[in-house]
Amino acid sequence: METDPFWTLIADCRRRGLSGDQRDAWLRDALLRLPPPDVIAFQACLEQVTGEACTWNLWAAADRVFGGWCSDDTFCHFQFWMVGLGRPVFEAALTDADVLAYAPEVLRLSGCPRAAWTDDAWPQWESLGYLAPSAYEELVGGFDDCGDAFYADVRALRGTPARNPPGLTPAGSRWSVLDEAESARRLPRLTAMFPLGSGSVGQPPLTRRT
């Protein structure tokens, strides 16, 4: 599936430096300027790229950032947040989850207790999953079927059964960041930046691994 228009829109949104409700409002308005098929395509691309990010390594990265606990829903919202980091970071993280440590949004969390993270800084973007359906509903004058036809069109575009939503079975081998030695081996930068159990986070990495 062609994802360039999707990533272009995400990049346009990112360049504005918005967050929270303002970011949602800008992106929803941008979707409202598109024809309905393109809004369906946006949602299909969102599901495709987050499906690619459904790996045990990225789940472990989220687990590390959140202090050793990450639920299914939390990981889903973390994947949406990864989309907001932009295409270069997102696609690099598919290969090496530890590159997330260099994203400005992650660096800003370094050295700051998790309890002090603001809502806008928190590494989740739950509402991203609702923006395209909401815009589409407005464009077509409302849903008579609770959006079933919209999601059926999304699945058809992705080539998946209409009643089979994206699964949460991550790719790769499962491992636990609670194993500090394994976490330090697989995610050295994130492990140093986000210690477990203390409620605080460490310092950002000083050098980039090559």
N, C-alpha and C. Protein backbone atom coordinates (compact mmCIF):
# COMPACT_ATOMS: atom_id res chain seq x y z
N MET A 1 0.84 -1.19 0.00
CA MET A 1 0.00 0.00 0.00
C MET A 1 0.88 1.25 0.00
N GLU A 2 0.53 2.24 -0.78
CA GLU A 2 1.27 3.48 -0.86
C GLU A 2 1.05 4.31 0.40
N THR A 3 2.11 4.59 1.12
CA THR A 3 1.98 5.33 2.38
C THR A 3 2.56 6.74 2.31
N ASP A 4 3.09 7.16 1.16
CA ASP A 4 3.71 8.49 1.08
C ASP A 4 2.75 9.62 1.45
N PRO A 5 1.50 9.65 0.92
CA PRO A 5 0.59 10.74 1.31
C PRO A 5 0.31 10.75 2.82
N PHE A 6 0.21 9.57 3.40
CA PHE A 6 -0.01 9.46 4.84
C PHE A 6 1.14 10.12 5.60
N TRP A 7 2.36 9.75 5.25
CA TRP A 7 3.52 10.29 5.96
C TRP A 7 3.72 11.77 5.68
N THR A 8 3.35 12.23 4.49
CA THR A 8 3.44 13.66 4.18
C THR A 8 2.53 14.46 5.10
N LEU A 9 1.32 13.95 5.33
CA LEU A 9 0.39 14.64 6.22
C LEU A 9 0.90 14.64 7.66
N ILE A 10 1.46 13.52 8.09
CA ILE A 10 2.04 13.46 9.44
C ILE A 10 3.20 14.44 9.56
N ALA A 11 4.03 14.54 8.52
CA ALA A 11 5.16 15.48 8.54
C ALA A 11 4.68 16.92 8.59
N ASP A 12 3.63 17.23 7.81
CA ASP A 12 3.07 18.58 7.83
C ASP A 12 2.57 18.93 9.23
N CYS A 13 1.93 17.98 9.86
CA CYS A 13 1.42 18.20 11.22
C CYS A 13 2.58 18.39 12.19
N ARG A 14 3.60 17.57 12.06
CA ARG A 14 4.75 17.62 12.96
C ARG A 14 5.48 18.95 12.86
N ARG A 15 5.62 19.48 11.64
CA ARG A 15 6.35 20.73 11.43
C ARG A 15 5.71 21.91 12.19
N ARG A 16 4.44 21.80 12.49
CA ARG A 16 3.76 22.88 13.19
C ARG A 16 4.04 22.89 14.68
N GLY A 17 4.67 21.85 15.18
CA GLY A 17 5.04 21.83 16.59
C GLY A 17 3.86 21.81 17.54
N LEU A 18 2.73 21.29 17.08
CA LEU A 18 1.54 21.27 17.92
C LEU A 18 1.53 20.04 18.81
N SER A 19 0.70 20.08 19.82
CA SER A 19 0.55 18.93 20.71
C SER A 19 -0.87 18.91 21.25
N GLY A 20 -1.24 17.78 21.82
CA GLY A 20 -2.53 17.66 22.47
C GLY A 20 -3.71 17.96 21.56
N ASP A 21 -4.68 18.70 22.08
CA ASP A 21 -5.90 18.99 21.33
C ASP A 21 -5.63 19.81 20.07
N GLN A 22 -4.63 20.68 20.12
CA GLN A 22 -4.32 21.50 18.94
C GLN A 22 -3.81 20.63 17.79
N ARG A 23 -2.99 19.66 18.11
CA ARG A 23 -2.51 18.75 17.08
C ARG A 23 -3.67 17.95 16.49
N ASP A 24 -4.53 17.44 17.35
CA ASP A 24 -5.69 16.69 16.87
C ASP A 24 -6.57 17.55 15.97
N ALA A 25 -6.80 18.79 16.39
CA ALA A 25 -7.67 19.68 15.62
C ALA A 25 -7.08 19.97 14.24
N TRP A 26 -5.77 20.21 14.20
CA TRP A 26 -5.14 20.51 12.91
C TRP A 26 -5.24 19.31 11.97
N LEU A 27 -4.94 18.12 12.49
CA LEU A 27 -4.94 16.94 11.64
C LEU A 27 -6.35 16.59 11.20
N ARG A 28 -7.31 16.74 12.09
CA ARG A 28 -8.70 16.46 11.70
C ARG A 28 -9.17 17.44 10.63
N ASP A 29 -8.81 18.72 10.76
CA ASP A 29 -9.17 19.70 9.74
C ASP A 29 -8.52 19.36 8.40
N ALA A 30 -7.28 18.89 8.45
CA ALA A 30 -6.60 18.50 7.22
C ALA A 30 -7.31 17.32 6.57
N LEU A 31 -7.77 16.38 7.36
CA LEU A 31 -8.50 15.23 6.82
C LEU A 31 -9.83 15.66 6.23
N LEU A 32 -10.45 16.66 6.83
CA LEU A 32 -11.74 17.14 6.32
C LEU A 32 -11.61 17.81 4.95
N ARG A 33 -10.40 18.19 4.60
CA ARG A 33 -10.18 18.79 3.28
C ARG A 33 -9.92 17.75 2.20
N LEU A 34 -9.87 16.49 2.60
CA LEU A 34 -9.63 15.41 1.64
C LEU A 34 -10.95 14.79 1.19
N PRO A 35 -10.97 14.15 0.02
CA PRO A 35 -12.15 13.39 -0.38
C PRO A 35 -12.28 12.15 0.50
N PRO A 36 -13.49 11.66 0.72
CA PRO A 36 -13.69 10.52 1.62
C PRO A 36 -12.79 9.31 1.33
N PRO A 37 -12.56 8.93 0.05
CA PRO A 37 -11.66 7.78 -0.17
C PRO A 37 -10.26 7.99 0.38
N ASP A 38 -9.79 9.24 0.39
CA ASP A 38 -8.45 9.50 0.92
C ASP A 38 -8.42 9.40 2.44
N VAL A 39 -9.54 9.70 3.07
CA VAL A 39 -9.61 9.54 4.53
C VAL A 39 -9.60 8.06 4.88
N ILE A 40 -10.29 7.26 4.09
CA ILE A 40 -10.23 5.81 4.27
C ILE A 40 -8.80 5.33 4.10
N ALA A 41 -8.11 5.85 3.09
CA ALA A 41 -6.72 5.46 2.83
C ALA A 41 -5.81 5.85 3.99
N PHE A 42 -6.07 7.01 4.60
CA PHE A 42 -5.27 7.44 5.76
C PHE A 42 -5.40 6.41 6.89
N GLN A 43 -6.63 6.00 7.19
CA GLN A 43 -6.84 5.03 8.26
C GLN A 43 -6.21 3.69 7.91
N ALA A 44 -6.31 3.30 6.64
CA ALA A 44 -5.71 2.03 6.21
C ALA A 44 -4.19 2.09 6.38
N CYS A 45 -3.59 3.21 6.03
CA CYS A 45 -2.14 3.36 6.18
C CYS A 45 -1.75 3.36 7.66
N LEU A 46 -2.55 4.01 8.48
CA LEU A 46 -2.27 4.01 9.92
C LEU A 46 -2.27 2.59 10.45
N GLU A 47 -3.24 1.80 10.06
CA GLU A 47 -3.29 0.41 10.53
C GLU A 47 -2.13 -0.40 9.97
N GLN A 48 -1.74 -0.11 8.74
CA GLN A 48 -0.63 -0.85 8.14
C GLN A 48 0.67 -0.58 8.87
N VAL A 49 0.99 0.70 9.08
CA VAL A 49 2.29 1.02 9.67
C VAL A 49 2.35 0.61 11.15
N THR A 50 1.24 0.76 11.86
CA THR A 50 1.27 0.32 13.26
C THR A 50 1.31 -1.20 13.34
N GLY A 51 0.76 -1.87 12.34
CA GLY A 51 0.91 -3.32 12.28
C GLY A 51 2.36 -3.73 12.11
N GLU A 52 3.10 -2.96 11.31
CA GLU A 52 4.52 -3.24 11.12
C GLU A 52 5.30 -2.99 12.41
N ALA A 53 4.79 -2.10 13.25
CA ALA A 53 5.47 -1.77 14.51
C ALA A 53 5.04 -2.68 15.66
N CYS A 54 4.20 -3.65 15.35
CA CYS A 54 3.75 -4.58 16.39
C CYS A 54 4.78 -5.71 16.51
N THR A 55 5.86 -5.43 17.24
CA THR A 55 6.93 -6.39 17.45
C THR A 55 7.24 -6.47 18.94
N TRP A 56 7.80 -7.59 19.34
CA TRP A 56 8.16 -7.73 20.76
C TRP A 56 9.27 -6.76 21.14
N ASN A 57 10.17 -6.46 20.20
CA ASN A 57 11.24 -5.51 20.53
C ASN A 57 10.69 -4.12 20.83
N LEU A 58 9.71 -3.67 20.02
CA LEU A 58 9.12 -2.36 20.28
C LEU A 58 8.22 -2.38 21.51
N TRP A 59 7.55 -3.50 21.75
CA TRP A 59 6.78 -3.61 22.99
C TRP A 59 7.72 -3.49 24.18
N ALA A 60 8.89 -4.14 24.08
CA ALA A 60 9.87 -4.05 25.16
C ALA A 60 10.35 -2.61 25.34
N ALA A 61 10.54 -1.90 24.23
CA ALA A 61 10.95 -0.50 24.32
C ALA A 61 9.90 0.31 25.06
N ALA A 62 8.63 0.09 24.72
CA ALA A 62 7.55 0.78 25.43
C ALA A 62 7.54 0.38 26.90
N ASP A 63 7.73 -0.91 27.16
CA ASP A 63 7.78 -1.40 28.53
C ASP A 63 8.86 -0.68 29.33
N ARG A 64 10.00 -0.48 28.69
CA ARG A 64 11.10 0.19 29.37
C ARG A 64 10.76 1.65 29.68
N VAL A 65 10.20 2.32 28.69
CA VAL A 65 9.84 3.73 28.87
C VAL A 65 8.81 3.89 29.99
N PHE A 66 7.87 2.96 30.06
CA PHE A 66 6.80 3.07 31.05
C PHE A 66 7.15 2.44 32.39
N GLY A 67 8.40 2.05 32.56
CA GLY A 67 8.84 1.58 33.87
C GLY A 67 8.62 0.11 34.13
N GLY A 68 8.50 -0.68 33.08
CA GLY A 68 8.39 -2.13 33.24
C GLY A 68 6.98 -2.67 33.14
N TRP A 69 6.03 -1.82 32.77
CA TRP A 69 4.65 -2.30 32.62
C TRP A 69 4.00 -1.61 31.45
N CYS A 70 3.51 -2.40 30.50
CA CYS A 70 2.86 -1.86 29.31
C CYS A 70 1.74 -2.81 28.90
N SER A 71 0.51 -2.37 28.97
CA SER A 71 -0.64 -3.20 28.60
C SER A 71 -0.84 -3.20 27.10
N ASP A 72 -1.78 -4.02 26.63
CA ASP A 72 -2.13 -4.05 25.20
C ASP A 72 -2.52 -2.66 24.71
N ASP A 73 -3.44 -2.02 25.43
CA ASP A 73 -3.91 -0.69 25.02
C ASP A 73 -2.79 0.33 25.06
N THR A 74 -1.96 0.27 26.09
CA THR A 74 -0.86 1.22 26.21
C THR A 74 0.09 1.07 25.03
N PHE A 75 0.37 -0.17 24.63
CA PHE A 75 1.27 -0.38 23.50
C PHE A 75 0.65 0.13 22.21
N CYS A 76 -0.65 -0.08 22.04
CA CYS A 76 -1.34 0.44 20.85
C CYS A 76 -1.20 1.96 20.78
N HIS A 77 -1.41 2.63 21.90
CA HIS A 77 -1.32 4.09 21.93
C HIS A 77 0.12 4.55 21.78
N PHE A 78 1.07 3.73 22.22
CA PHE A 78 2.50 4.02 22.03
C PHE A 78 2.86 3.94 20.55
N GLN A 79 2.30 2.97 19.85
CA GLN A 79 2.53 2.86 18.41
C GLN A 79 2.00 4.09 17.68
N PHE A 80 0.82 4.56 18.05
CA PHE A 80 0.29 5.79 17.46
C PHE A 80 1.24 6.96 17.74
N TRP A 81 1.76 7.03 18.95
CA TRP A 81 2.69 8.09 19.32
C TRP A 81 3.96 8.00 18.47
N MET A 82 4.42 6.78 18.21
CA MET A 82 5.58 6.60 17.35
C MET A 82 5.34 7.18 15.96
N VAL A 83 4.13 7.04 15.44
CA VAL A 83 3.80 7.64 14.15
C VAL A 83 4.05 9.15 14.21
N GLY A 84 3.67 9.77 15.31
CA GLY A 84 3.85 11.20 15.47
C GLY A 84 5.30 11.64 15.52
N LEU A 85 6.23 10.71 15.73
CA LEU A 85 7.66 11.03 15.71
C LEU A 85 8.16 11.27 14.30
N GLY A 86 7.37 10.87 13.31
CA GLY A 86 7.77 11.06 11.92
C GLY A 86 8.30 9.79 11.28
N ARG A 87 8.28 9.77 9.97
CA ARG A 87 8.65 8.57 9.22
C ARG A 87 10.09 8.12 9.45
N PRO A 88 11.11 9.02 9.43
CA PRO A 88 12.48 8.53 9.60
C PRO A 88 12.70 7.79 10.91
N VAL A 89 12.23 8.37 12.02
CA VAL A 89 12.39 7.72 13.31
C VAL A 89 11.56 6.44 13.38
N PHE A 90 10.32 6.52 12.91
CA PHE A 90 9.44 5.36 12.97
C PHE A 90 10.06 4.18 12.22
N GLU A 91 10.50 4.40 11.00
CA GLU A 91 11.01 3.29 10.19
C GLU A 91 12.35 2.79 10.71
N ALA A 92 13.18 3.70 11.28
CA ALA A 92 14.43 3.24 11.87
C ALA A 92 14.17 2.36 13.09
N ALA A 93 13.13 2.71 13.85
CA ALA A 93 12.81 1.94 15.05
C ALA A 93 12.29 0.55 14.72
N LEU A 94 11.77 0.35 13.52
CA LEU A 94 11.34 -0.98 13.13
C LEU A 94 12.53 -1.94 13.07
N THR A 95 13.69 -1.39 12.74
CA THR A 95 14.91 -2.20 12.65
C THR A 95 15.64 -2.26 13.98
N ASP A 96 15.70 -1.13 14.68
CA ASP A 96 16.40 -1.04 15.96
C ASP A 96 15.58 -0.19 16.90
N ALA A 97 14.85 -0.83 17.79
CA ALA A 97 13.96 -0.10 18.70
C ALA A 97 14.69 0.90 19.56
N ASP A 98 15.98 0.68 19.79
CA ASP A 98 16.74 1.56 20.68
C ASP A 98 16.98 2.94 20.09
N VAL A 99 16.76 3.12 18.77
CA VAL A 99 16.95 4.46 18.18
C VAL A 99 15.91 5.44 18.70
N LEU A 100 14.83 4.94 19.30
CA LEU A 100 13.85 5.85 19.90
C LEU A 100 14.50 6.74 20.94
N ALA A 101 15.61 6.30 21.50
CA ALA A 101 16.29 7.07 22.54
C ALA A 101 16.76 8.42 22.03
N TYR A 102 16.92 8.58 20.71
CA TYR A 102 17.40 9.83 20.14
C TYR A 102 16.29 10.75 19.66
N ALA A 103 15.05 10.31 19.73
CA ALA A 103 13.95 11.18 19.35
C ALA A 103 13.85 12.32 20.35
N PRO A 104 13.68 13.56 19.88
CA PRO A 104 13.60 14.70 20.81
C PRO A 104 12.53 14.51 21.89
N GLU A 105 11.40 13.90 21.49
CA GLU A 105 10.32 13.70 22.45
C GLU A 105 10.74 12.76 23.58
N VAL A 106 11.60 11.79 23.26
CA VAL A 106 12.09 10.86 24.28
C VAL A 106 13.18 11.53 25.11
N LEU A 107 14.07 12.26 24.46
CA LEU A 107 15.15 12.94 25.17
C LEU A 107 14.59 13.91 26.21
N ARG A 108 13.46 14.55 25.90
CA ARG A 108 12.88 15.50 26.85
C ARG A 108 12.37 14.82 28.11
N LEU A 109 12.12 13.53 28.03
CA LEU A 109 11.66 12.80 29.21
C LEU A 109 12.82 12.35 30.10
N SER A 110 14.03 12.39 29.56
CA SER A 110 15.19 11.92 30.30
C SER A 110 15.44 12.78 31.54
N GLY A 111 15.69 12.12 32.65
CA GLY A 111 15.98 12.84 33.89
C GLY A 111 14.77 13.41 34.57
N CYS A 112 13.58 13.15 34.04
CA CYS A 112 12.35 13.69 34.61
C CYS A 112 11.53 12.55 35.21
N PRO A 113 11.14 12.62 36.47
CA PRO A 113 10.32 11.55 37.05
C PRO A 113 9.04 11.33 36.23
N ARG A 114 8.64 10.09 36.09
CA ARG A 114 7.45 9.80 35.29
C ARG A 114 6.22 10.52 35.84
N ALA A 115 6.17 10.68 37.13
CA ALA A 115 5.02 11.36 37.74
C ALA A 115 4.93 12.83 37.30
N ALA A 116 6.04 13.37 36.81
CA ALA A 116 6.06 14.77 36.39
C ALA A 116 5.84 14.95 34.90
N TRP A 117 5.69 13.86 34.16
CA TRP A 117 5.44 13.97 32.73
C TRP A 117 4.08 14.64 32.50
N THR A 118 4.06 15.61 31.61
CA THR A 118 2.79 16.26 31.30
C THR A 118 1.97 15.39 30.35
N ASP A 119 0.69 15.69 30.26
CA ASP A 119 -0.17 14.94 29.35
C ASP A 119 0.33 15.02 27.92
N ASP A 120 0.79 16.20 27.50
CA ASP A 120 1.27 16.37 26.13
C ASP A 120 2.57 15.64 25.88
N ALA A 121 3.40 15.48 26.92
CA ALA A 121 4.69 14.81 26.76
C ALA A 121 4.58 13.30 26.86
N TRP A 122 3.52 12.82 27.49
CA TRP A 122 3.37 11.38 27.72
C TRP A 122 3.41 10.64 26.38
N PRO A 123 4.21 9.57 26.28
CA PRO A 123 4.41 8.90 24.99
C PRO A 123 3.23 8.01 24.56
N GLN A 124 2.11 8.62 24.36
CA GLN A 124 0.91 7.96 23.82
C GLN A 124 0.15 8.97 22.96
N TRP A 125 -0.55 8.44 21.96
CA TRP A 125 -1.41 9.30 21.12
C TRP A 125 -2.68 8.52 20.80
N GLU A 126 -3.45 8.26 21.82
CA GLU A 126 -4.66 7.45 21.67
C GLU A 126 -5.61 8.02 20.63
N SER A 127 -5.79 9.34 20.62
CA SER A 127 -6.79 9.96 19.76
C SER A 127 -6.47 9.84 18.28
N LEU A 128 -5.23 9.53 17.91
CA LEU A 128 -4.91 9.40 16.49
C LEU A 128 -5.77 8.33 15.83
N GLY A 129 -6.13 7.31 16.57
CA GLY A 129 -6.93 6.24 16.01
C GLY A 129 -8.37 6.64 15.69
N TYR A 130 -8.82 7.79 16.22
CA TYR A 130 -10.21 8.21 16.05
C TYR A 130 -10.38 9.36 15.06
N LEU A 131 -9.28 9.99 14.65
CA LEU A 131 -9.41 11.21 13.86
C LEU A 131 -9.98 10.95 12.47
N ALA A 132 -9.49 9.94 11.78
CA ALA A 132 -10.00 9.65 10.44
C ALA A 132 -11.47 9.21 10.46
N PRO A 133 -11.86 8.30 11.35
CA PRO A 133 -13.29 7.95 11.41
C PRO A 133 -14.18 9.15 11.70
N SER A 134 -13.73 10.03 12.60
CA SER A 134 -14.51 11.22 12.93
C SER A 134 -14.64 12.14 11.73
N ALA A 135 -13.53 12.37 11.02
CA ALA A 135 -13.57 13.23 9.84
C ALA A 135 -14.44 12.62 8.75
N TYR A 136 -14.32 11.34 8.55
CA TYR A 136 -15.11 10.67 7.51
C TYR A 136 -16.59 10.77 7.82
N GLU A 137 -16.93 10.57 9.08
CA GLU A 137 -18.34 10.66 9.47
C GLU A 137 -18.91 12.03 9.14
N GLU A 138 -18.13 13.08 9.41
CA GLU A 138 -18.60 14.43 9.09
C GLU A 138 -18.70 14.64 7.58
N LEU A 139 -17.75 14.12 6.85
CA LEU A 139 -17.75 14.31 5.39
C LEU A 139 -18.95 13.66 4.72
N VAL A 140 -19.36 12.50 5.23
CA VAL A 140 -20.46 11.77 4.58
C VAL A 140 -21.80 12.06 5.23
N GLY A 141 -21.81 12.93 6.25
CA GLY A 141 -23.08 13.30 6.85
C GLY A 141 -23.58 12.36 7.92
N GLY A 142 -22.66 11.64 8.56
CA GLY A 142 -23.06 10.77 9.66
C GLY A 142 -23.00 9.30 9.30
N PHE A 143 -22.89 8.48 10.35
CA PHE A 143 -22.88 7.03 10.21
C PHE A 143 -24.25 6.48 10.56
N ASP A 144 -24.75 5.57 9.74
CA ASP A 144 -25.98 4.86 10.08
C ASP A 144 -25.70 3.48 10.65
N ASP A 145 -24.42 3.09 10.62
CA ASP A 145 -24.05 1.72 10.99
C ASP A 145 -22.92 1.69 12.01
N CYS A 146 -22.77 2.77 12.78
CA CYS A 146 -21.70 2.88 13.78
C CYS A 146 -20.31 2.77 13.15
N GLY A 147 -20.21 3.10 11.88
CA GLY A 147 -18.91 3.08 11.22
C GLY A 147 -18.51 1.76 10.63
N ASP A 148 -19.41 0.79 10.64
CA ASP A 148 -19.04 -0.54 10.13
C ASP A 148 -18.60 -0.49 8.67
N ALA A 149 -19.31 0.29 7.85
CA ALA A 149 -18.96 0.36 6.43
C ALA A 149 -17.59 1.02 6.24
N PHE A 150 -17.31 2.04 7.04
CA PHE A 150 -16.01 2.70 6.98
C PHE A 150 -14.89 1.71 7.25
N TYR A 151 -15.01 0.95 8.32
CA TYR A 151 -13.96 0.00 8.66
C TYR A 151 -13.90 -1.16 7.68
N ALA A 152 -15.05 -1.52 7.11
CA ALA A 152 -15.03 -2.55 6.06
C ALA A 152 -14.24 -2.06 4.85
N ASP A 153 -14.41 -0.78 4.50
CA ASP A 153 -13.64 -0.23 3.39
C ASP A 153 -12.16 -0.16 3.72
N VAL A 154 -11.84 0.16 4.96
CA VAL A 154 -10.44 0.18 5.39
C VAL A 154 -9.82 -1.21 5.25
N ARG A 155 -10.55 -2.22 5.73
CA ARG A 155 -10.03 -3.60 5.65
C ARG A 155 -9.90 -4.04 4.19
N ALA A 156 -10.87 -3.65 3.38
CA ALA A 156 -10.81 -4.03 1.96
C ALA A 156 -9.59 -3.41 1.30
N LEU A 157 -9.28 -2.17 1.63
CA LEU A 157 -8.12 -1.51 1.06
C LEU A 157 -6.83 -2.17 1.51
N ARG A 158 -6.84 -2.66 2.72
CA ARG A 158 -5.65 -3.34 3.26
C ARG A 158 -5.60 -4.81 2.84
N GLY A 159 -6.70 -5.31 2.30
CA GLY A 159 -6.72 -6.71 1.89
C GLY A 159 -6.91 -7.66 3.05
N THR A 160 -7.60 -7.19 4.09
CA THR A 160 -7.89 -8.05 5.25
C THR A 160 -9.39 -8.20 5.40
N PRO A 161 -9.86 -9.30 6.00
CA PRO A 161 -11.30 -9.50 6.17
C PRO A 161 -11.94 -8.38 6.96
N ALA A 162 -13.16 -8.02 6.59
CA ALA A 162 -13.85 -6.89 7.22
C ALA A 162 -14.05 -7.11 8.71
N ARG A 163 -14.20 -8.35 9.13
CA ARG A 163 -14.46 -8.60 10.54
C ARG A 163 -13.21 -9.02 11.29
N ASN A 164 -12.05 -8.80 10.69
CA ASN A 164 -10.80 -9.21 11.33
C ASN A 164 -9.93 -7.99 11.57
N PRO A 165 -10.11 -7.30 12.71
CA PRO A 165 -9.31 -6.11 12.98
C PRO A 165 -7.85 -6.47 13.15
N PRO A 166 -6.95 -5.47 13.06
CA PRO A 166 -5.53 -5.75 13.23
C PRO A 166 -5.27 -6.45 14.55
N GLY A 167 -4.47 -7.50 14.50
CA GLY A 167 -4.21 -8.28 15.70
C GLY A 167 -3.15 -7.65 16.58
N LEU A 168 -3.03 -8.18 17.79
CA LEU A 168 -2.02 -7.71 18.72
C LEU A 168 -1.05 -8.83 19.04
N THR A 169 -0.77 -9.68 18.07
CA THR A 169 0.22 -10.72 18.24
C THR A 169 1.53 -10.20 17.67
N PRO A 170 2.45 -9.76 18.52
CA PRO A 170 3.67 -9.14 18.01
C PRO A 170 4.57 -10.12 17.28
N ALA A 171 5.33 -9.59 16.35
CA ALA A 171 6.30 -10.39 15.61
C ALA A 171 7.58 -10.53 16.43
N GLY A 172 8.30 -11.59 16.15
CA GLY A 172 9.57 -11.82 16.84
C GLY A 172 9.40 -12.66 18.08
N SER A 173 10.45 -12.72 18.87
CA SER A 173 10.46 -13.52 20.10
C SER A 173 10.24 -12.62 21.31
N ARG A 174 9.37 -13.08 22.17
CA ARG A 174 9.06 -12.29 23.37
C ARG A 174 10.22 -12.34 24.35
N TRP A 175 10.50 -11.21 24.98
CA TRP A 175 11.50 -11.15 26.04
C TRP A 175 11.09 -10.06 27.02
N SER A 176 11.69 -10.06 28.18
CA SER A 176 11.27 -9.16 29.25
C SER A 176 12.35 -8.15 29.61
N VAL A 177 11.97 -6.88 29.71
CA VAL A 177 12.91 -5.86 30.15
C VAL A 177 13.19 -5.96 31.64
N LEU A 178 12.45 -6.80 32.35
CA LEU A 178 12.74 -7.02 33.77
C LEU A 178 14.06 -7.75 33.95
N ASP A 179 14.51 -8.42 32.89
CA ASP A 179 15.85 -9.01 32.87
C ASP A 179 16.82 -7.90 32.49
N GLU A 180 17.44 -7.30 33.48
CA GLU A 180 18.25 -6.11 33.25
C GLU A 180 19.42 -6.38 32.30
N ALA A 181 20.04 -7.53 32.41
CA ALA A 181 21.16 -7.83 31.53
C ALA A 181 20.70 -7.93 30.08
N GLU A 182 19.56 -8.58 29.86
CA GLU A 182 19.03 -8.70 28.51
C GLU A 182 18.57 -7.35 27.98
N SER A 183 17.95 -6.57 28.85
CA SER A 183 17.50 -5.24 28.44
C SER A 183 18.69 -4.36 28.06
N ALA A 184 19.77 -4.43 28.84
CA ALA A 184 20.95 -3.63 28.53
C ALA A 184 21.60 -4.08 27.23
N ARG A 185 21.48 -5.35 26.92
CA ARG A 185 22.07 -5.86 25.67
C ARG A 185 21.26 -5.45 24.46
N ARG A 186 19.93 -5.53 24.58
CA ARG A 186 19.06 -5.27 23.43
C ARG A 186 18.72 -3.79 23.28
N LEU A 187 18.56 -3.10 24.40
CA LEU A 187 18.15 -1.69 24.39
C LEU A 187 19.08 -0.88 25.29
N PRO A 188 20.35 -0.79 24.97
CA PRO A 188 21.30 -0.17 25.89
C PRO A 188 20.98 1.28 26.23
N ARG A 189 20.57 2.06 25.25
CA ARG A 189 20.32 3.48 25.50
C ARG A 189 19.04 3.67 26.31
N LEU A 190 17.95 3.01 25.88
CA LEU A 190 16.70 3.15 26.62
C LEU A 190 16.81 2.59 28.03
N THR A 191 17.59 1.52 28.20
CA THR A 191 17.77 0.93 29.52
C THR A 191 18.45 1.92 30.45
N ALA A 192 19.45 2.64 29.94
CA ALA A 192 20.14 3.62 30.77
C ALA A 192 19.26 4.82 31.06
N MET A 193 18.42 5.19 30.11
CA MET A 193 17.59 6.39 30.26
C MET A 193 16.38 6.16 31.15
N PHE A 194 15.88 4.92 31.18
CA PHE A 194 14.64 4.65 31.90
C PHE A 194 14.82 3.47 32.87
N PRO A 195 15.44 3.72 34.02
CA PRO A 195 15.60 2.67 35.03
C PRO A 195 14.24 2.24 35.57
N LEU A 196 14.17 1.00 35.98
CA LEU A 196 12.91 0.45 36.48
C LEU A 196 12.80 0.66 37.98
N GLY A 197 11.57 0.81 38.43
CA GLY A 197 11.28 0.74 39.86
C GLY A 197 11.46 2.00 40.66
N SER A 198 12.27 2.94 40.17
CA SER A 198 12.57 4.11 41.00
C SER A 198 11.58 5.24 40.81
N GLY A 199 10.80 5.19 39.73
CA GLY A 199 9.88 6.28 39.45
C GLY A 199 10.56 7.45 38.77
N SER A 200 11.88 7.36 38.60
CA SER A 200 12.62 8.41 37.92
C SER A 200 13.27 7.84 36.68
N VAL A 201 13.84 8.70 35.88
CA VAL A 201 14.51 8.24 34.68
C VAL A 201 15.93 8.74 34.67
N GLY A 202 16.77 8.06 33.88
CA GLY A 202 18.18 8.38 33.86
C GLY A 202 18.53 9.49 32.89
N GLN A 203 19.77 9.47 32.45
CA GLN A 203 20.27 10.52 31.57
C GLN A 203 20.30 10.03 30.13
N PRO A 204 20.20 10.97 29.19
CA PRO A 204 20.24 10.59 27.78
C PRO A 204 21.61 10.08 27.38
N PRO A 205 21.68 9.29 26.30
CA PRO A 205 22.97 8.80 25.84
C PRO A 205 23.82 9.95 25.31
N LEU A 206 25.13 9.82 25.46
CA LEU A 206 26.03 10.88 25.01
C LEU A 206 26.52 10.66 23.59
N THR A 207 26.56 9.43 23.17
CA THR A 207 27.05 9.13 21.83
C THR A 207 26.10 8.21 21.11
N ARG A 208 26.10 8.30 19.82
CA ARG A 208 25.26 7.43 18.99
C ARG A 208 26.05 6.18 18.63
N ARG A 209 25.44 5.03 18.83
CA ARG A 209 26.10 3.79 18.46
C ARG A 209 26.08 3.64 16.95
N THR A 210 27.16 3.22 16.34
CA THR A 210 27.23 3.01 14.90
C THR A 210 27.29 1.55 14.58
